[in-house]
């Protein structure tokens, strides 16, 4: 039986971030929540730089975001984001919520897919 061709190395033009407690919570459940989450991130980094986001079913409060490397300084994206600071009219439950964004330990979409299995 012939050997399978080796998998080509991944392109090095993306960057990954981990979002803990994203707004809205569990944005992958409903389409409208997915759109809201994407708009929130795109408002911070620009819509051209947001490529995709992934979730791991075993970690329901974690989202991994894929962005392009060629973009604005992502340093201001990382850290703590209080919902009351960016929501126009947060309700009582959203006032004390906070999202945290930091670099992801996984560096390829394949590694993310394997971790989510």
PDB file of N, CA and C in Angstrom:
ATOM      1  N   UNK A   1       0.847  -1.167   0.000  1.00  0.00           N
ATOM      2  CA  UNK A   1       0.000   0.000   0.000  1.00  0.00           C
ATOM      3  C   UNK A   1       0.900   1.241   0.000  1.00  0.00           C
ATOM      4  N   UNK A   2       0.614   2.247  -0.858  1.00  0.00           N
ATOM      5  CA  UNK A   2       1.463   3.437  -0.918  1.00  0.00           C
ATOM      6  C   UNK A   2       1.298   4.304   0.333  1.00  0.00           C
ATOM      7  N   UNK A   3       2.365   4.990   0.667  1.00  0.00           N
ATOM      8  CA  UNK A   3       2.329   5.881   1.824  1.00  0.00           C
ATOM      9  C   UNK A   3       1.543   7.150   1.484  1.00  0.00           C
ATOM     10  N   UNK A   4       0.920   7.646   2.510  1.00  0.00           N
ATOM     11  CA  UNK A   4       0.184   8.900   2.354  1.00  0.00           C
ATOM     12  C   UNK A   4       1.186  10.046   2.259  1.00  0.00           C
ATOM     13  N   UNK A   5       0.875  11.036   1.447  1.00  0.00           N
ATOM     14  CA  UNK A   5       1.745  12.199   1.311  1.00  0.00           C
ATOM     15  C   UNK A   5       1.776  12.956   2.634  1.00  0.00           C
ATOM     16  N   UNK A   6       2.925  13.489   3.007  1.00  0.00           N
ATOM     17  CA  UNK A   6       3.005  14.219   4.282  1.00  0.00           C
ATOM     18  C   UNK A   6       2.136  15.477   4.250  1.00  0.00           C
ATOM     19  N   UNK A   7       1.601  15.809   5.401  1.00  0.00           N
ATOM     20  CA  UNK A   7       0.782  17.006   5.526  1.00  0.00           C
ATOM     21  C   UNK A   7       1.678  18.223   5.394  1.00  0.00           C
ATOM     22  N   UNK A   8       1.287  19.186   4.562  1.00  0.00           N
ATOM     23  CA  UNK A   8       2.130  20.377   4.414  1.00  0.00           C
ATOM     24  C   UNK A   8       2.120  21.194   5.704  1.00  0.00           C
ATOM     25  N   UNK A   9       3.187  21.909   5.966  1.00  0.00           N
ATOM     26  CA  UNK A   9       3.218  22.722   7.188  1.00  0.00           C
ATOM     27  C   UNK A   9       2.170  23.833   7.107  1.00  0.00           C
ATOM     28  N   UNK A  10       1.602  24.221   8.245  1.00  0.00           N
ATOM     29  CA  UNK A  10       0.573  25.264   8.225  1.00  0.00           C
ATOM     30  C   UNK A  10       1.181  26.622   7.894  1.00  0.00           C
ATOM     31  N   UNK A  11       0.370  27.466   7.314  1.00  0.00           N
ATOM     32  CA  UNK A  11       0.812  28.828   7.023  1.00  0.00           C
ATOM     33  C   UNK A  11       1.003  29.574   8.340  1.00  0.00           C
ATOM     34  N   UNK A  12       1.990  30.418   8.378  1.00  0.00           N
ATOM     35  CA  UNK A  12       2.299  31.141   9.615  1.00  0.00           C
ATOM     36  C   UNK A  12       1.757  32.570   9.545  1.00  0.00           C
ATOM     37  N   UNK A  13       0.511  32.719   9.133  1.00  0.00           N
ATOM     38  CA  UNK A  13      -0.058  34.052   8.994  1.00  0.00           C
ATOM     39  C   UNK A  13      -1.245  34.291   9.926  1.00  0.00           C
ATOM     40  N   UNK A  14      -1.426  33.421  10.904  1.00  0.00           N
ATOM     41  CA  UNK A  14      -2.521  33.596  11.853  1.00  0.00           C
ATOM     42  C   UNK A  14      -1.996  33.607  13.284  1.00  0.00           C
ATOM     43  N   UNK A  15      -2.821  34.131  14.155  1.00  0.00           N
ATOM     44  CA  UNK A  15      -2.522  34.227  15.575  1.00  0.00           C
ATOM     45  C   UNK A  15      -3.782  33.803  16.323  1.00  0.00           C
ATOM     46  N   UNK A  16      -3.616  33.154  17.462  1.00  0.00           N
ATOM     47  CA  UNK A  16      -4.754  32.634  18.226  1.00  0.00           C
ATOM     48  C   UNK A  16      -4.785  33.250  19.622  1.00  0.00           C
ATOM     49  N   UNK A  17      -6.004  33.546  20.090  1.00  0.00           N
ATOM     50  CA  UNK A  17      -6.228  34.075  21.427  1.00  0.00           C
ATOM     51  C   UNK A  17      -7.293  33.235  22.121  1.00  0.00           C
ATOM     52  N   UNK A  18      -7.189  33.139  23.425  1.00  0.00           N
ATOM     53  CA  UNK A  18      -8.193  32.446  24.233  1.00  0.00           C
ATOM     54  C   UNK A  18      -9.037  33.488  24.938  1.00  0.00           C
ATOM     55  N   UNK A  19     -10.358  33.322  24.852  1.00  0.00           N
ATOM     56  CA  UNK A  19     -11.288  34.223  25.526  1.00  0.00           C
ATOM     57  C   UNK A  19     -12.001  33.415  26.611  1.00  0.00           C
ATOM     58  N   UNK A  20     -11.832  33.839  27.848  1.00  0.00           N
ATOM     59  CA  UNK A  20     -12.502  33.213  28.983  1.00  0.00           C
ATOM     60  C   UNK A  20     -13.714  34.058  29.325  1.00  0.00           C
ATOM     61  N   UNK A  21     -14.855  33.423  29.517  1.00  0.00           N
ATOM     62  CA  UNK A  21     -16.119  34.099  29.817  1.00  0.00           C
ATOM     63  C   UNK A  21     -16.458  35.123  28.734  1.00  0.00           C
ATOM     64  N   UNK A  22     -16.639  34.678  27.498  1.00  0.00           N
ATOM     65  CA  UNK A  22     -16.884  35.612  26.388  1.00  0.00           C
ATOM     66  C   UNK A  22     -18.243  36.289  26.498  1.00  0.00           C
ATOM     67  N   UNK A  23     -18.367  37.431  25.820  1.00  0.00           N
ATOM     68  CA  UNK A  23     -19.668  38.095  25.702  1.00  0.00           C
ATOM     69  C   UNK A  23     -20.194  37.847  24.298  1.00  0.00           C
ATOM     70  N   UNK A  24     -21.422  37.409  24.173  1.00  0.00           N
ATOM     71  CA  UNK A  24     -22.290  36.827  25.195  1.00  0.00           C
ATOM     72  C   UNK A  24     -21.792  35.449  25.597  1.00  0.00           C
ATOM     73  N   UNK A  25     -22.248  34.985  26.739  1.00  0.00           N
ATOM     74  CA  UNK A  25     -21.807  33.673  27.205  1.00  0.00           C
ATOM     75  C   UNK A  25     -22.221  32.604  26.198  1.00  0.00           C
ATOM     76  N   UNK A  26     -21.332  31.687  25.929  1.00  0.00           N
ATOM     77  CA  UNK A  26     -21.530  30.588  24.977  1.00  0.00           C
ATOM     78  C   UNK A  26     -22.040  31.093  23.622  1.00  0.00           C
ATOM     79  N   UNK A  27     -21.216  31.905  22.914  1.00  0.00           N
ATOM     80  CA  UNK A  27     -21.654  32.497  21.651  1.00  0.00           C
ATOM     81  C   UNK A  27     -21.844  31.512  20.512  1.00  0.00           C
ATOM     82  N   UNK A  28     -21.468  30.263  20.715  1.00  0.00           N
ATOM     83  CA  UNK A  28     -21.567  29.262  19.659  1.00  0.00           C
ATOM     84  C   UNK A  28     -22.904  28.537  19.692  1.00  0.00           C
ATOM     85  N   UNK A  29     -23.766  28.822  20.661  1.00  0.00           N
ATOM     86  CA  UNK A  29     -25.041  28.111  20.797  1.00  0.00           C
ATOM     87  C   UNK A  29     -26.075  28.647  19.808  1.00  0.00           C
ATOM     88  N   UNK A  30     -26.251  29.962  19.773  1.00  0.00           N
ATOM     89  CA  UNK A  30     -27.254  30.571  18.899  1.00  0.00           C
ATOM     90  C   UNK A  30     -26.569  31.444  17.851  1.00  0.00           C
ATOM     91  N   UNK A  31     -27.129  31.497  16.665  1.00  0.00           N
ATOM     92  CA  UNK A  31     -26.544  32.265  15.573  1.00  0.00           C
ATOM     93  C   UNK A  31     -26.435  33.742  15.930  1.00  0.00           C
ATOM     94  N   UNK A  32     -27.455  34.297  16.542  1.00  0.00           N
ATOM     95  CA  UNK A  32     -27.429  35.717  16.900  1.00  0.00           C
ATOM     96  C   UNK A  32     -26.325  36.007  17.923  1.00  0.00           C
ATOM     97  N   UNK A  33     -26.102  35.080  18.860  1.00  0.00           N
ATOM     98  CA  UNK A  33     -25.018  35.248  19.823  1.00  0.00           C
ATOM     99  C   UNK A  33     -23.653  35.161  19.142  1.00  0.00           C
ATOM    100  N   UNK A  34     -23.542  34.294  18.130  1.00  0.00           N
ATOM    101  CA  UNK A  34     -22.288  34.203  17.368  1.00  0.00           C
ATOM    102  C   UNK A  34     -22.001  35.523  16.660  1.00  0.00           C
ATOM    103  N   UNK A  35     -23.024  36.110  16.090  1.00  0.00           N
ATOM    104  CA  UNK A  35     -22.864  37.399  15.408  1.00  0.00           C
ATOM    105  C   UNK A  35     -22.467  38.493  16.398  1.00  0.00           C
ATOM    106  N   UNK A  36     -23.097  38.494  17.562  1.00  0.00           N
ATOM    107  CA  UNK A  36     -22.780  39.503  18.585  1.00  0.00           C
ATOM    108  C   UNK A  36     -21.335  39.367  19.045  1.00  0.00           C
ATOM    109  N   UNK A  37     -20.882  38.143  19.278  1.00  0.00           N
ATOM    110  CA  UNK A  37     -19.501  37.900  19.694  1.00  0.00           C
ATOM    111  C   UNK A  37     -18.527  38.365  18.610  1.00  0.00           C
ATOM    112  N   UNK A  38     -18.811  38.023  17.366  1.00  0.00           N
ATOM    113  CA  UNK A  38     -17.934  38.420  16.260  1.00  0.00           C
ATOM    114  C   UNK A  38     -17.896  39.941  16.119  1.00  0.00           C
ATOM    115  N   UNK A  39     -19.030  40.597  16.292  1.00  0.00           N
ATOM    116  CA  UNK A  39     -19.058  42.063  16.206  1.00  0.00           C
ATOM    117  C   UNK A  39     -18.260  42.701  17.337  1.00  0.00           C
ATOM    118  N   UNK A  40     -18.358  42.110  18.539  1.00  0.00           N
ATOM    119  CA  UNK A  40     -17.608  42.635  19.682  1.00  0.00           C
ATOM    120  C   UNK A  40     -16.117  42.585  19.399  1.00  0.00           C
ATOM    121  N   UNK A  41     -15.623  41.448  18.918  1.00  0.00           N
ATOM    122  CA  UNK A  41     -14.195  41.332  18.616  1.00  0.00           C
ATOM    123  C   UNK A  41     -13.794  42.188  17.422  1.00  0.00           C
ATOM    124  N   UNK A  42     -14.627  42.210  16.394  1.00  0.00           N
ATOM    125  CA  UNK A  42     -14.309  42.992  15.203  1.00  0.00           C
ATOM    126  C   UNK A  42     -14.254  44.484  15.517  1.00  0.00           C
ATOM    127  N   UNK A  43     -15.045  44.934  16.479  1.00  0.00           N
ATOM    128  CA  UNK A  43     -14.986  46.355  16.851  1.00  0.00           C
ATOM    129  C   UNK A  43     -13.649  46.691  17.504  1.00  0.00           C
ATOM    130  N   UNK A  44     -13.005  45.702  18.105  1.00  0.00           N
ATOM    131  CA  UNK A  44     -11.719  45.934  18.763  1.00  0.00           C
ATOM    132  C   UNK A  44     -10.531  45.771  17.817  1.00  0.00           C
ATOM    133  N   UNK A  45     -10.599  44.808  16.902  1.00  0.00           N
ATOM    134  CA  UNK A  45      -9.427  44.522  16.051  1.00  0.00           C
ATOM    135  C   UNK A  45      -9.663  44.798  14.575  1.00  0.00           C
ATOM    136  N   UNK A  46     -10.892  45.081  14.187  1.00  0.00           N
ATOM    137  CA  UNK A  46     -11.208  45.293  12.777  1.00  0.00           C
ATOM    138  C   UNK A  46     -11.734  44.018  12.150  1.00  0.00           C
ATOM    139  N   UNK A  47     -12.763  44.150  11.333  1.00  0.00           N
ATOM    140  CA  UNK A  47     -13.417  42.959  10.780  1.00  0.00           C
ATOM    141  C   UNK A  47     -12.531  42.186   9.817  1.00  0.00           C
ATOM    142  N   UNK A  48     -11.555  42.842   9.215  1.00  0.00           N
ATOM    143  CA  UNK A  48     -10.669  42.147   8.276  1.00  0.00           C
ATOM    144  C   UNK A  48      -9.684  41.224   8.977  1.00  0.00           C
ATOM    145  N   UNK A  49      -9.484  41.413  10.281  1.00  0.00           N
ATOM    146  CA  UNK A  49      -8.491  40.631  11.011  1.00  0.00           C
ATOM    147  C   UNK A  49      -9.090  39.463  11.789  1.00  0.00           C
ATOM    148  N   UNK A  50     -10.388  39.443  11.958  1.00  0.00           N
ATOM    149  CA  UNK A  50     -11.055  38.329  12.637  1.00  0.00           C
ATOM    150  C   UNK A  50     -11.354  37.248  11.607  1.00  0.00           C
ATOM    151  N   UNK A  51     -10.738  36.080  11.779  1.00  0.00           N
ATOM    152  CA  UNK A  51     -10.890  35.012  10.791  1.00  0.00           C
ATOM    153  C   UNK A  51     -11.898  33.949  11.217  1.00  0.00           C
ATOM    154  N   UNK A  52     -11.843  33.507  12.473  1.00  0.00           N
ATOM    155  CA  UNK A  52     -12.734  32.440  12.940  1.00  0.00           C
ATOM    156  C   UNK A  52     -12.698  32.381  14.457  1.00  0.00           C
ATOM    157  N   UNK A  53     -13.649  31.641  15.026  1.00  0.00           N
ATOM    158  CA  UNK A  53     -13.547  31.307  16.443  1.00  0.00           C
ATOM    159  C   UNK A  53     -14.032  29.894  16.645  1.00  0.00           C
ATOM    160  N   UNK A  54     -13.459  29.243  17.648  1.00  0.00           N
ATOM    161  CA  UNK A  54     -13.704  27.834  17.927  1.00  0.00           C
ATOM    162  C   UNK A  54     -14.086  27.673  19.390  1.00  0.00           C
ATOM    163  N   UNK A  55     -14.757  26.582  19.699  1.00  0.00           N
ATOM    164  CA  UNK A  55     -15.037  26.270  21.105  1.00  0.00           C
ATOM    165  C   UNK A  55     -14.795  24.786  21.344  1.00  0.00           C
ATOM    166  N   UNK A  56     -14.575  24.477  22.589  1.00  0.00           N
ATOM    167  CA  UNK A  56     -14.363  23.095  23.005  1.00  0.00           C
ATOM    168  C   UNK A  56     -15.561  22.714  23.870  1.00  0.00           C
ATOM    169  N   UNK A  57     -16.341  21.725  23.475  1.00  0.00           N
ATOM    170  CA  UNK A  57     -17.545  21.377  24.238  1.00  0.00           C
ATOM    171  C   UNK A  57     -17.274  21.061  25.710  1.00  0.00           C
ATOM    172  N   UNK A  58     -16.091  20.552  26.013  1.00  0.00           N
ATOM    173  CA  UNK A  58     -15.786  20.242  27.410  1.00  0.00           C
ATOM    174  C   UNK A  58     -15.470  21.493  28.218  1.00  0.00           C
ATOM    175  N   UNK A  59     -15.216  22.601  27.554  1.00  0.00           N
ATOM    176  CA  UNK A  59     -14.937  23.889  28.215  1.00  0.00           C
ATOM    177  C   UNK A  59     -15.931  24.925  27.704  1.00  0.00           C
ATOM    178  N   UNK A  60     -17.142  24.924  28.235  1.00  0.00           N
ATOM    179  CA  UNK A  60     -18.196  25.755  27.662  1.00  0.00           C
ATOM    180  C   UNK A  60     -17.983  27.261  27.809  1.00  0.00           C
ATOM    181  N   UNK A  61     -17.101  27.688  28.675  1.00  0.00           N
ATOM    182  CA  UNK A  61     -16.907  29.110  28.899  1.00  0.00           C
ATOM    183  C   UNK A  61     -15.609  29.629  28.271  1.00  0.00           C
ATOM    184  N   UNK A  62     -15.086  28.878  27.283  1.00  0.00           N
ATOM    185  CA  UNK A  62     -13.829  29.245  26.630  1.00  0.00           C
ATOM    186  C   UNK A  62     -14.034  29.256  25.116  1.00  0.00           C
ATOM    187  N   UNK A  63     -13.532  30.298  24.469  1.00  0.00           N
ATOM    188  CA  UNK A  63     -13.585  30.409  23.016  1.00  0.00           C
ATOM    189  C   UNK A  63     -12.178  30.731  22.533  1.00  0.00           C
ATOM    190  N   UNK A  64     -11.752  30.095  21.458  1.00  0.00           N
ATOM    191  CA  UNK A  64     -10.457  30.388  20.849  1.00  0.00           C
ATOM    192  C   UNK A  64     -10.718  31.181  19.578  1.00  0.00           C
ATOM    193  N   UNK A  65     -10.028  32.307  19.445  1.00  0.00           N
ATOM    194  CA  UNK A  65     -10.231  33.226  18.334  1.00  0.00           C
ATOM    195  C   UNK A  65      -9.023  33.181  17.416  1.00  0.00           C
ATOM    196  N   UNK A  66      -9.282  33.059  16.116  1.00  0.00           N
ATOM    197  CA  UNK A  66      -8.220  33.077  15.113  1.00  0.00           C
ATOM    198  C   UNK A  66      -8.221  34.444  14.437  1.00  0.00           C
ATOM    199  N   UNK A  67      -7.059  35.104  14.446  1.00  0.00           N
ATOM    200  CA  UNK A  67      -6.929  36.414  13.813  1.00  0.00           C
ATOM    201  C   UNK A  67      -5.753  36.400  12.853  1.00  0.00           C
ATOM    202  N   UNK A  68      -5.713  37.387  11.984  1.00  0.00           N
ATOM    203  CA  UNK A  68      -4.556  37.505  11.101  1.00  0.00           C
ATOM    204  C   UNK A  68      -3.407  38.130  11.877  1.00  0.00           C
ATOM    205  N   UNK A  69      -2.188  37.771  11.511  1.00  0.00           N
ATOM    206  CA  UNK A  69      -1.023  38.363  12.178  1.00  0.00           C
ATOM    207  C   UNK A  69      -0.802  39.791  11.720  1.00  0.00           C
ATOM    208  N   UNK A  70      -1.147  40.061  10.470  1.00  0.00           N
ATOM    209  CA  UNK A  70      -0.947  41.411   9.944  1.00  0.00           C
ATOM    210  C   UNK A  70      -2.155  42.252  10.330  1.00  0.00           C
ATOM    211  N   UNK A  71      -2.036  42.943  11.389  1.00  0.00           N
ATOM    212  CA  UNK A  71      -3.144  43.753  11.854  1.00  0.00           C
ATOM    213  C   UNK A  71      -2.669  44.755  12.870  1.00  0.00           C
ATOM    214  N   UNK A  72      -3.594  45.322  13.594  1.00  0.00           N
ATOM    215  CA  UNK A  72      -3.205  46.296  14.605  1.00  0.00           C
ATOM    216  C   UNK A  72      -2.438  45.624  15.744  1.00  0.00           C
ATOM    217  N   UNK A  73      -1.917  46.422  16.623  1.00  0.00           N
ATOM    218  CA  UNK A  73      -1.246  45.898  17.805  1.00  0.00           C
ATOM    219  C   UNK A  73      -2.298  45.208  18.663  1.00  0.00           C
ATOM    220  N   UNK A  74      -2.145  43.903  18.838  1.00  0.00           N
ATOM    221  CA  UNK A  74      -3.142  43.140  19.585  1.00  0.00           C
ATOM    222  C   UNK A  74      -2.923  43.233  21.095  1.00  0.00           C
ATOM    223  N   UNK A  75      -1.947  44.007  21.526  1.00  0.00           N
ATOM    224  CA  UNK A  75      -1.668  44.142  22.944  1.00  0.00           C
ATOM    225  C   UNK A  75      -2.832  44.709  23.735  1.00  0.00           C
ATOM    226  N   UNK A  76      -3.554  45.655  23.140  1.00  0.00           N
ATOM    227  CA  UNK A  76      -4.699  46.242  23.852  1.00  0.00           C
ATOM    228  C   UNK A  76      -5.888  45.290  23.917  1.00  0.00           C
ATOM    229  N   UNK A  77      -5.880  44.262  23.077  1.00  0.00           N
ATOM    230  CA  UNK A  77      -6.967  43.280  23.101  1.00  0.00           C
ATOM    231  C   UNK A  77      -6.838  42.360  24.312  1.00  0.00           C
ATOM    232  N   UNK A  78      -5.620  42.100  24.723  1.00  0.00           N
ATOM    233  CA  UNK A  78      -5.399  41.153  25.810  1.00  0.00           C
ATOM    234  C   UNK A  78      -5.696  41.793  27.163  1.00  0.00           C
ATOM    235  N   UNK A  79      -6.115  40.933  28.085  1.00  0.00           N
ATOM    236  CA  UNK A  79      -6.374  41.397  29.445  1.00  0.00           C
ATOM    237  C   UNK A  79      -7.834  41.276  29.819  1.00  0.00           C
ATOM    238  N   UNK A  80      -8.232  42.102  30.765  1.00  0.00           N
ATOM    239  CA  UNK A  80      -9.577  42.061  31.341  1.00  0.00           C
ATOM    240  C   UNK A  80     -10.485  43.041  30.610  1.00  0.00           C
ATOM    241  N   UNK A  81     -11.690  42.585  30.299  1.00  0.00           N
ATOM    242  CA  UNK A  81     -12.694  43.425  29.639  1.00  0.00           C
ATOM    243  C   UNK A  81     -13.990  43.339  30.440  1.00  0.00           C
ATOM    244  N   UNK A  82     -14.296  44.380  31.178  1.00  0.00           N
ATOM    245  CA  UNK A  82     -15.530  44.415  31.978  1.00  0.00           C
ATOM    246  C   UNK A  82     -16.698  44.728  31.065  1.00  0.00           C
ATOM    247  N   UNK A  83     -17.726  43.913  31.161  1.00  0.00           N
ATOM    248  CA  UNK A  83     -18.871  44.074  30.281  1.00  0.00           C
ATOM    249  C   UNK A  83     -19.535  45.425  30.473  1.00  0.00           C
ATOM    250  N   UNK A  84     -19.561  45.937  31.693  1.00  0.00           N
ATOM    251  CA  UNK A  84     -20.230  47.219  31.946  1.00  0.00           C
ATOM    252  C   UNK A  84     -19.512  48.368  31.247  1.00  0.00           C
ATOM    253  N   UNK A  85     -18.236  48.161  30.862  1.00  0.00           N
ATOM    254  CA  UNK A  85     -17.483  49.209  30.184  1.00  0.00           C
ATOM    255  C   UNK A  85     -17.776  49.283  28.692  1.00  0.00           C
ATOM    256  N   UNK A  86     -18.185  48.184  28.070  1.00  0.00           N
ATOM    257  CA  UNK A  86     -18.442  48.234  26.626  1.00  0.00           C
ATOM    258  C   UNK A  86     -19.893  48.020  26.244  1.00  0.00           C
ATOM    259  N   UNK A  87     -20.747  47.604  27.181  1.00  0.00           N
ATOM    260  CA  UNK A  87     -22.173  47.483  26.885  1.00  0.00           C
ATOM    261  C   UNK A  87     -22.860  48.813  27.157  1.00  0.00           C
ATOM    262  N   UNK A  88     -23.755  49.216  26.262  1.00  0.00           N
ATOM    263  CA  UNK A  88     -24.454  50.491  26.448  1.00  0.00           C
ATOM    264  C   UNK A  88     -25.409  50.452  27.630  1.00  0.00           C
ATOM    265  N   UNK A  89     -26.209  49.392  27.704  1.00  0.00           N
ATOM    266  CA  UNK A  89     -27.172  49.265  28.804  1.00  0.00           C
ATOM    267  C   UNK A  89     -27.118  47.838  29.350  1.00  0.00           C
ATOM    268  N   UNK A  90     -26.100  47.543  30.165  1.00  0.00           N
ATOM    269  CA  UNK A  90     -26.010  46.184  30.712  1.00  0.00           C
ATOM    270  C   UNK A  90     -27.124  45.936  31.733  1.00  0.00           C
ATOM    271  N   UNK A  91     -27.642  44.709  31.735  1.00  0.00           N
ATOM    272  CA  UNK A  91     -28.645  44.390  32.749  1.00  0.00           C
ATOM    273  C   UNK A  91     -27.933  44.018  34.050  1.00  0.00           C
ATOM    274  N   UNK A  92     -28.696  43.743  35.061  1.00  0.00           N
ATOM    275  CA  UNK A  92     -28.143  43.507  36.403  1.00  0.00           C
ATOM    276  C   UNK A  92     -27.149  42.351  36.414  1.00  0.00           C
ATOM    277  N   UNK A  93     -27.415  41.302  35.663  1.00  0.00           N
ATOM    278  CA  UNK A  93     -26.518  40.142  35.666  1.00  0.00           C
ATOM    279  C   UNK A  93     -25.227  40.407  34.889  1.00  0.00           C
ATOM    280  N   UNK A  94     -25.242  41.365  33.960  1.00  0.00           N
ATOM    281  CA  UNK A  94     -24.068  41.635  33.132  1.00  0.00           C
ATOM    282  C   UNK A  94     -23.115  42.668  33.742  1.00  0.00           C
ATOM    283  N   UNK A  95     -23.563  43.414  34.721  1.00  0.00           N
ATOM    284  CA  UNK A  95     -22.752  44.484  35.295  1.00  0.00           C
ATOM    285  C   UNK A  95     -21.457  43.958  35.910  1.00  0.00           C
ATOM    286  N   UNK A  96     -21.499  42.828  36.566  1.00  0.00           N
ATOM    287  CA  UNK A  96     -20.321  42.290  37.246  1.00  0.00           C
ATOM    288  C   UNK A  96     -19.530  41.286  36.410  1.00  0.00           C
ATOM    289  N   UNK A  97     -19.962  41.003  35.189  1.00  0.00           N
ATOM    290  CA  UNK A  97     -19.275  40.025  34.339  1.00  0.00           C
ATOM    291  C   UNK A  97     -18.016  40.625  33.718  1.00  0.00           C
ATOM    292  N   UNK A  98     -17.027  39.771  33.492  1.00  0.00           N
ATOM    293  CA  UNK A  98     -15.751  40.189  32.911  1.00  0.00           C
ATOM    294  C   UNK A  98     -15.256  39.100  31.964  1.00  0.00           C
ATOM    295  N   UNK A  99     -14.735  39.515  30.816  1.00  0.00           N
ATOM    296  CA  UNK A  99     -14.086  38.597  29.887  1.00  0.00           C
ATOM    297  C   UNK A  99     -12.580  38.786  30.001  1.00  0.00           C
ATOM    298  N   UNK A 100     -11.840  37.697  29.777  1.00  0.00           N
ATOM    299  CA  UNK A 100     -10.381  37.741  29.818  1.00  0.00           C
ATOM    300  C   UNK A 100      -9.853  37.195  28.505  1.00  0.00           C
ATOM    301  N   UNK A 101      -8.903  37.908  27.911  1.00  0.00           N
ATOM    302  CA  UNK A 101      -8.318  37.488  26.637  1.00  0.00           C
ATOM    303  C   UNK A 101      -6.802  37.413  26.801  1.00  0.00           C
ATOM    304  N   UNK A 102      -6.240  36.289  26.358  1.00  0.00           N
ATOM    305  CA  UNK A 102      -4.791  36.123  26.408  1.00  0.00           C
ATOM    306  C   UNK A 102      -4.349  35.226  25.264  1.00  0.00           C
ATOM    307  N   UNK A 103      -3.048  35.206  24.939  1.00  0.00           N
ATOM    308  CA  UNK A 103      -2.569  34.376  23.833  1.00  0.00           C
ATOM    309  C   UNK A 103      -2.883  32.901  24.075  1.00  0.00           C
ATOM    310  N   UNK A 104      -3.227  32.215  23.019  1.00  0.00           N
ATOM    311  CA  UNK A 104      -3.559  30.795  23.103  1.00  0.00           C
ATOM    312  C   UNK A 104      -2.281  29.962  23.066  1.00  0.00           C
ATOM    313  N   UNK A 105      -2.280  28.897  23.838  1.00  0.00           N
ATOM    314  CA  UNK A 105      -1.128  27.991  23.856  1.00  0.00           C
ATOM    315  C   UNK A 105      -1.052  27.160  22.577  1.00  0.00           C
ATOM    316  N   UNK A 106      -2.171  26.983  21.887  1.00  0.00           N
ATOM    317  CA  UNK A 106      -2.197  26.218  20.639  1.00  0.00           C
ATOM    318  C   UNK A 106      -1.896  27.163  19.482  1.00  0.00           C
ATOM    319  N   UNK A 107      -1.136  26.695  18.510  1.00  0.00           N
ATOM    320  CA  UNK A 107      -0.677  27.612  17.462  1.00  0.00           C
ATOM    321  C   UNK A 107      -1.149  27.273  16.056  1.00  0.00           C
ATOM    322  N   UNK A 108      -1.924  26.206  15.885  1.00  0.00           N
ATOM    323  CA  UNK A 108      -2.433  25.860  14.563  1.00  0.00           C
ATOM    324  C   UNK A 108      -3.901  25.448  14.677  1.00  0.00           C
ATOM    325  N   UNK A 109      -4.621  25.582  13.571  1.00  0.00           N
ATOM    326  CA  UNK A 109      -6.034  25.173  13.591  1.00  0.00           C
ATOM    327  C   UNK A 109      -6.144  23.658  13.772  1.00  0.00           C
ATOM    328  N   UNK A 110      -5.160  22.907  13.295  1.00  0.00           N
ATOM    329  CA  UNK A 110      -5.171  21.451  13.484  1.00  0.00           C
ATOM    330  C   UNK A 110      -5.020  21.097  14.967  1.00  0.00           C
ATOM    331  N   UNK A 111      -4.130  21.793  15.658  1.00  0.00           N
ATOM    332  CA  UNK A 111      -3.956  21.551  17.094  1.00  0.00           C
ATOM    333  C   UNK A 111      -5.235  21.896  17.865  1.00  0.00           C
ATOM    334  N   UNK A 112      -5.911  22.936  17.449  1.00  0.00           N
ATOM    335  CA  UNK A 112      -7.165  23.311  18.091  1.00  0.00           C
ATOM    336  C   UNK A 112      -8.236  22.261  17.837  1.00  0.00           C
ATOM    337  N   UNK A 113      -8.297  21.763  16.592  1.00  0.00           N
ATOM    338  CA  UNK A 113      -9.279  20.716  16.267  1.00  0.00           C
ATOM    339  C   UNK A 113      -8.998  19.432  17.064  1.00  0.00           C
ATOM    340  N   UNK A 114      -7.742  19.080  17.196  1.00  0.00           N
ATOM    341  CA  UNK A 114      -7.399  17.857  17.961  1.00  0.00           C
ATOM    342  C   UNK A 114      -7.731  18.033  19.437  1.00  0.00           C
ATOM    343  N   UNK A 115      -7.514  19.232  19.983  1.00  0.00           N
ATOM    344  CA  UNK A 115      -7.809  19.469  21.401  1.00  0.00           C
ATOM    345  C   UNK A 115      -9.311  19.477  21.666  1.00  0.00           C
ATOM    346  N   UNK A 116     -10.087  19.802  20.644  1.00  0.00           N
ATOM    347  CA  UNK A 116     -11.537  19.866  20.816  1.00  0.00           C
ATOM    348  C   UNK A 116     -12.226  18.532  20.650  1.00  0.00           C
ATOM    349  N   UNK A 117     -11.514  17.521  20.244  1.00  0.00           N
ATOM    350  CA  UNK A 117     -12.128  16.209  20.010  1.00  0.00           C
ATOM    351  C   UNK A 117     -12.423  15.483  21.306  1.00  0.00           C
TER     352      UNK A 117
END
